[in-house]
C-alpha atoms as a PDB file:
ATOM      1  CA  UNK A   1     -81.524  -8.049 -16.376  1.00  0.00           C
ATOM      2  CA  UNK A   2     -81.987  -4.285 -16.418  1.00  0.00           C
ATOM      3  CA  UNK A   3     -80.239  -3.268 -13.230  1.00  0.00           C
ATOM      4  CA  UNK A   4     -80.671   0.247 -11.925  1.00  0.00           C
ATOM      5  CA  UNK A   5     -77.606   2.112 -10.822  1.00  0.00           C
ATOM      6  CA  UNK A   6     -77.578   4.766  -8.189  1.00  0.00           C
ATOM      7  CA  UNK A   7     -76.171   8.044  -9.374  1.00  0.00           C
ATOM      8  CA  UNK A   8     -73.087   8.975  -7.404  1.00  0.00           C
ATOM      9  CA  UNK A   9     -71.775  12.519  -7.140  1.00  0.00           C
ATOM     10  CA  UNK A  10     -67.993  12.620  -7.198  1.00  0.00           C
ATOM     11  CA  UNK A  11     -65.563  15.508  -7.188  1.00  0.00           C
ATOM     12  CA  UNK A  12     -63.368  15.640 -10.283  1.00  0.00           C
ATOM     13  CA  UNK A  13     -60.280  15.970  -8.063  1.00  0.00           C
ATOM     14  CA  UNK A  14     -61.135  13.049  -5.752  1.00  0.00           C
ATOM     15  CA  UNK A  15     -58.499  10.339  -5.793  1.00  0.00           C
ATOM     16  CA  UNK A  16     -59.849   6.975  -6.828  1.00  0.00           C
ATOM     17  CA  UNK A  17     -58.312   3.634  -7.681  1.00  0.00           C
ATOM     18  CA  UNK A  18     -57.376   3.075 -11.317  1.00  0.00           C
ATOM     19  CA  UNK A  19     -56.464  -0.491 -12.259  1.00  0.00           C
ATOM     20  CA  UNK A  20     -54.693  -1.575 -15.411  1.00  0.00           C
ATOM     21  CA  UNK A  21     -56.502  -4.926 -15.631  1.00  0.00           C
ATOM     22  CA  UNK A  22     -54.636  -5.997 -18.759  1.00  0.00           C
ATOM     23  CA  UNK A  23     -51.459  -8.046 -19.102  1.00  0.00           C
ATOM     24  CA  UNK A  24     -49.626  -5.217 -20.877  1.00  0.00           C
ATOM     25  CA  UNK A  25     -48.335  -1.898 -19.537  1.00  0.00           C
ATOM     26  CA  UNK A  26     -50.377   1.156 -20.481  1.00  0.00           C
ATOM     27  CA  UNK A  27     -49.028   4.638 -21.167  1.00  0.00           C
ATOM     28  CA  UNK A  28     -51.589   7.273 -20.259  1.00  0.00           C
ATOM     29  CA  UNK A  29     -50.938  10.728 -21.637  1.00  0.00           C
ATOM     30  CA  UNK A  30     -52.055  13.933 -19.933  1.00  0.00           C
ATOM     31  CA  UNK A  31     -50.741  17.481 -20.282  1.00  0.00           C
ATOM     32  CA  UNK A  32     -47.693  16.387 -22.324  1.00  0.00           C
ATOM     33  CA  UNK A  33     -46.711  13.864 -19.638  1.00  0.00           C
ATOM     34  CA  UNK A  34     -46.722  10.096 -19.929  1.00  0.00           C
ATOM     35  CA  UNK A  35     -47.963   8.034 -17.001  1.00  0.00           C
ATOM     36  CA  UNK A  36     -46.620   4.466 -17.205  1.00  0.00           C
ATOM     37  CA  UNK A  37     -49.240   2.205 -15.621  1.00  0.00           C
ATOM     38  CA  UNK A  38     -47.930  -1.326 -15.101  1.00  0.00           C
ATOM     39  CA  UNK A  39     -49.996  -4.379 -16.043  1.00  0.00           C
ATOM     40  CA  UNK A  40     -52.279  -5.766 -13.312  1.00  0.00           C
ATOM     41  CA  UNK A  41     -51.415  -2.891 -10.942  1.00  0.00           C
ATOM     42  CA  UNK A  42     -53.631  -0.314  -9.233  1.00  0.00           C
ATOM     43  CA  UNK A  43     -52.897   3.379  -8.719  1.00  0.00           C
ATOM     44  CA  UNK A  44     -54.480   6.306  -6.916  1.00  0.00           C
ATOM     45  CA  UNK A  45     -55.360   8.947  -9.517  1.00  0.00           C
ATOM     46  CA  UNK A  46     -57.661  11.963  -9.583  1.00  0.00           C
ATOM     47  CA  UNK A  47     -61.018  11.104 -11.136  1.00  0.00           C
ATOM     48  CA  UNK A  48     -60.411  13.168 -14.288  1.00  0.00           C
ATOM     49  CA  UNK A  49     -57.160  11.274 -15.010  1.00  0.00           C
ATOM     50  CA  UNK A  50     -58.667   7.876 -14.181  1.00  0.00           C
ATOM     51  CA  UNK A  51     -61.624   8.598 -16.463  1.00  0.00           C
ATOM     52  CA  UNK A  52     -59.412   9.674 -19.347  1.00  0.00           C
ATOM     53  CA  UNK A  53     -56.944   6.809 -18.946  1.00  0.00           C
ATOM     54  CA  UNK A  54     -59.826   4.359 -18.514  1.00  0.00           C
ATOM     55  CA  UNK A  55     -61.443   5.483 -21.762  1.00  0.00           C
ATOM     56  CA  UNK A  56     -58.160   5.096 -23.631  1.00  0.00           C
ATOM     57  CA  UNK A  57     -57.368   1.707 -22.089  1.00  0.00           C
ATOM     58  CA  UNK A  58     -60.881   0.403 -22.817  1.00  0.00           C
ATOM     59  CA  UNK A  59     -60.666   1.665 -26.398  1.00  0.00           C
ATOM     60  CA  UNK A  60     -57.321  -0.103 -26.845  1.00  0.00           C
ATOM     61  CA  UNK A  61     -58.791  -3.371 -25.541  1.00  0.00           C
ATOM     62  CA  UNK A  62     -61.937  -3.090 -27.675  1.00  0.00           C
ATOM     63  CA  UNK A  63     -59.769  -2.461 -30.759  1.00  0.00           C
ATOM     64  CA  UNK A  64     -57.789  -5.603 -29.924  1.00  0.00           C
ATOM     65  CA  UNK A  65     -60.965  -7.646 -29.487  1.00  0.00           C
ATOM     66  CA  UNK A  66     -62.260  -6.373 -32.826  1.00  0.00           C
ATOM     67  CA  UNK A  67     -58.941  -7.178 -34.541  1.00  0.00           C
ATOM     68  CA  UNK A  68     -59.016 -10.711 -33.107  1.00  0.00           C
ATOM     69  CA  UNK A  69     -62.600 -11.151 -34.304  1.00  0.00           C
ATOM     70  CA  UNK A  70     -61.664  -9.999 -37.818  1.00  0.00           C
ATOM     71  CA  UNK A  71     -58.682 -12.353 -37.827  1.00  0.00           C
ATOM     72  CA  UNK A  72     -60.926 -15.285 -36.821  1.00  0.00           C
ATOM     73  CA  UNK A  73     -63.501 -14.392 -39.464  1.00  0.00           C
ATOM     74  CA  UNK A  74     -60.861 -14.203 -42.194  1.00  0.00           C
ATOM     75  CA  UNK A  75     -59.337 -17.540 -41.113  1.00  0.00           C
ATOM     76  CA  UNK A  76     -62.695 -19.316 -41.312  1.00  0.00           C
ATOM     77  CA  UNK A  77     -63.727 -17.733 -44.610  1.00  0.00           C
ATOM     78  CA  UNK A  78     -61.099 -15.731 -46.512  1.00  0.00           C
ATOM     79  CA  UNK A  79     -63.712 -14.647 -49.120  1.00  0.00           C
ATOM     80  CA  UNK A  80     -65.941 -12.934 -46.565  1.00  0.00           C
ATOM     81  CA  UNK A  81     -67.581  -9.679 -47.613  1.00  0.00           C
ATOM     82  CA  UNK A  82     -65.911  -6.498 -46.290  1.00  0.00           C
ATOM     83  CA  UNK A  83     -69.298  -5.173 -45.144  1.00  0.00           C
ATOM     84  CA  UNK A  84     -69.784  -8.250 -42.946  1.00  0.00           C
ATOM     85  CA  UNK A  85     -66.306  -7.765 -41.462  1.00  0.00           C
ATOM     86  CA  UNK A  86     -67.091  -4.123 -40.681  1.00  0.00           C
ATOM     87  CA  UNK A  87     -70.476  -5.062 -39.206  1.00  0.00           C
ATOM     88  CA  UNK A  88     -68.909  -7.561 -36.780  1.00  0.00           C
ATOM     89  CA  UNK A  89     -66.086  -5.172 -35.944  1.00  0.00           C
ATOM     90  CA  UNK A  90     -68.547  -2.371 -35.167  1.00  0.00           C
ATOM     91  CA  UNK A  91     -70.649  -4.756 -33.068  1.00  0.00           C
ATOM     92  CA  UNK A  92     -67.680  -5.003 -30.695  1.00  0.00           C
ATOM     93  CA  UNK A  93     -66.548  -1.372 -30.855  1.00  0.00           C
ATOM     94  CA  UNK A  94     -70.041   0.041 -30.260  1.00  0.00           C
ATOM     95  CA  UNK A  95     -71.057  -2.444 -27.546  1.00  0.00           C
ATOM     96  CA  UNK A  96     -71.832  -0.063 -24.649  1.00  0.00           C
ATOM     97  CA  UNK A  97     -72.404  -2.868 -22.144  1.00  0.00           C
ATOM     98  CA  UNK A  98     -68.984  -4.391 -22.826  1.00  0.00           C
ATOM     99  CA  UNK A  99     -67.396  -0.924 -22.748  1.00  0.00           C
ATOM    100  CA  UNK A 100     -68.965  -0.221 -19.333  1.00  0.00           C
ATOM    101  CA  UNK A 101     -67.885  -3.603 -17.955  1.00  0.00           C
ATOM    102  CA  UNK A 102     -64.284  -2.895 -18.969  1.00  0.00           C
ATOM    103  CA  UNK A 103     -64.486   0.635 -17.558  1.00  0.00           C
ATOM    104  CA  UNK A 104     -65.761  -0.770 -14.244  1.00  0.00           C
ATOM    105  CA  UNK A 105     -62.627  -2.941 -14.113  1.00  0.00           C
ATOM    106  CA  UNK A 106     -60.484   0.202 -14.506  1.00  0.00           C
ATOM    107  CA  UNK A 107     -62.092   2.720 -12.176  1.00  0.00           C
ATOM    108  CA  UNK A 108     -63.098   2.024  -8.569  1.00  0.00           C
ATOM    109  CA  UNK A 109     -64.425   4.695  -6.239  1.00  0.00           C
ATOM    110  CA  UNK A 110     -63.155   3.556  -2.862  1.00  0.00           C
ATOM    111  CA  UNK A 111     -64.642   5.786  -0.217  1.00  0.00           C
ATOM    112  CA  UNK A 112     -67.929   7.561   0.286  1.00  0.00           C
ATOM    113  CA  UNK A 113     -67.569  10.988  -1.170  1.00  0.00           C
ATOM    114  CA  UNK A 114     -68.453  14.306   0.286  1.00  0.00           C
ATOM    115  CA  UNK A 115     -67.805  16.906  -2.380  1.00  0.00           C
ATOM    116  CA  UNK A 116     -68.094  19.731   0.158  1.00  0.00           C
ATOM    117  CA  UNK A 117     -65.072  18.574   2.166  1.00  0.00           C
ATOM    118  CA  UNK A 118     -61.629  18.005   0.667  1.00  0.00           C
ATOM    119  CA  UNK A 119     -58.688  16.384   2.479  1.00  0.00           C
ATOM    120  CA  UNK A 120     -55.529  17.011   0.459  1.00  0.00           C
ATOM    121  CA  UNK A 121     -52.522  14.793   1.086  1.00  0.00           C
ATOM    122  CA  UNK A 122     -49.658  16.323   2.991  1.00  0.00           C
ATOM    123  CA  UNK A 123     -46.232  16.470   1.437  1.00  0.00           C
ATOM    124  CA  UNK A 124     -43.431  15.340   3.752  1.00  0.00           C
ATOM    125  CA  UNK A 125     -41.361  18.360   4.690  1.00  0.00           C
ATOM    126  CA  UNK A 126     -37.657  18.372   5.366  1.00  0.00           C
ATOM    127  CA  UNK A 127     -36.495  21.089   7.720  1.00  0.00           C
ATOM    128  CA  UNK A 128     -33.276  22.783   6.726  1.00  0.00           C
ATOM    129  CA  UNK A 129     -31.186  23.637   9.777  1.00  0.00           C
ATOM    130  CA  UNK A 130     -29.469  27.013   9.491  1.00  0.00           C
ATOM    131  CA  UNK A 131     -25.774  27.413  10.274  1.00  0.00           C
ATOM    132  CA  UNK A 132     -26.761  29.764  13.130  1.00  0.00           C
ATOM    133  CA  UNK A 133     -28.817  26.996  14.731  1.00  0.00           C
ATOM    134  CA  UNK A 134     -25.972  24.518  14.262  1.00  0.00           C
ATOM    135  CA  UNK A 135     -23.489  26.927  15.919  1.00  0.00           C
ATOM    136  CA  UNK A 136     -25.949  27.468  18.781  1.00  0.00           C
ATOM    137  CA  UNK A 137     -26.184  23.693  19.254  1.00  0.00           C
ATOM    138  CA  UNK A 138     -22.388  23.455  19.291  1.00  0.00           C
ATOM    139  CA  UNK A 139     -22.146  26.242  21.898  1.00  0.00           C
ATOM    140  CA  UNK A 140     -24.790  24.569  24.106  1.00  0.00           C
ATOM    141  CA  UNK A 141     -23.025  21.183  23.771  1.00  0.00           C
ATOM    142  CA  UNK A 142     -19.690  22.697  24.781  1.00  0.00           C
ATOM    143  CA  UNK A 143     -21.321  24.420  27.771  1.00  0.00           C
ATOM    144  CA  UNK A 144     -20.404  27.931  26.630  1.00  0.00           C
ATOM    145  CA  UNK A 145     -24.047  29.105  26.393  1.00  0.00           C
ATOM    146  CA  UNK A 146     -27.275  28.039  28.097  1.00  0.00           C
ATOM    147  CA  UNK A 147     -30.237  27.263  25.748  1.00  0.00           C
ATOM    148  CA  UNK A 148     -32.465  29.721  27.630  1.00  0.00           C
ATOM    149  CA  UNK A 149     -30.010  32.564  26.906  1.00  0.00           C
ATOM    150  CA  UNK A 150     -30.524  32.167  23.151  1.00  0.00           C
ATOM    151  CA  UNK A 151     -33.217  34.109  21.286  1.00  0.00           C
ATOM    152  CA  UNK A 152     -36.426  32.606  19.870  1.00  0.00           C
ATOM    153  CA  UNK A 153     -34.969  32.325  16.354  1.00  0.00           C
ATOM    154  CA  UNK A 154     -31.575  31.046  17.420  1.00  0.00           C
ATOM    155  CA  UNK A 155     -32.561  27.830  19.211  1.00  0.00           C
ATOM    156  CA  UNK A 156     -30.061  24.968  18.943  1.00  0.00           C
ATOM    157  CA  UNK A 157     -30.941  22.434  16.254  1.00  0.00           C
ATOM    158  CA  UNK A 158     -29.029  19.439  14.999  1.00  0.00           C
ATOM    159  CA  UNK A 159     -28.896  18.729  11.257  1.00  0.00           C
ATOM    160  CA  UNK A 160     -30.851  15.666  10.148  1.00  0.00           C
ATOM    161  CA  UNK A 161     -28.845  13.057   8.309  1.00  0.00           C
ATOM    162  CA  UNK A 162     -29.976  12.844   4.696  1.00  0.00           C
ATOM    163  CA  UNK A 163     -30.591   9.067   4.818  1.00  0.00           C
ATOM    164  CA  UNK A 164     -33.166   9.474   7.580  1.00  0.00           C
ATOM    165  CA  UNK A 165     -35.481  11.694   5.534  1.00  0.00           C
ATOM    166  CA  UNK A 166     -38.212   9.502   4.066  1.00  0.00           C
ATOM    167  CA  UNK A 167     -38.978  11.753   1.084  1.00  0.00           C
ATOM    168  CA  UNK A 168     -35.378  11.934  -0.101  1.00  0.00           C
ATOM    169  CA  UNK A 169     -34.677  10.452  -3.493  1.00  0.00           C
ATOM    170  CA  UNK A 170     -31.333   8.613  -3.499  1.00  0.00           C
ATOM    171  CA  UNK A 171     -30.970   9.027  -7.252  1.00  0.00           C
ATOM    172  CA  UNK A 172     -30.509  12.804  -7.033  1.00  0.00           C
ATOM    173  CA  UNK A 173     -26.889  13.938  -6.967  1.00  0.00           C
END
């Protein structure tokens, strides 16, 4: 019954999987920003955010369980003592095993961690073609200039159509 857990060292910035295991959306708040986490969906978040959001989500669910328990108690016996209601409510809210089980549903460390080596994600970059490079391309296309006659910084480049850039947000205009 008493299972031993291996201690795992994890970097606070490591991205892990956070799952909103509930049937209701959850709004996590961090640094004056709201993170809308959809019900039954998983997200990659840094450990510090996943931990914080997990604690808040678990607390919300424990409060709901306690409220349901109080409602059931009051339905069965409306004259029940307030101290008994509080005792049963606190039995749910202070249940560390239940809290840990819910937290384990939220936070999943996916890969073996090496805190000495960090691999940040690359941001897709869109190259902006200068007018000089466009004119050089036009001159090479028309046969007026040879590409080898152009300098190192004036090589012909064609502009990329906006729709082809994968990081472009269509909503911006």
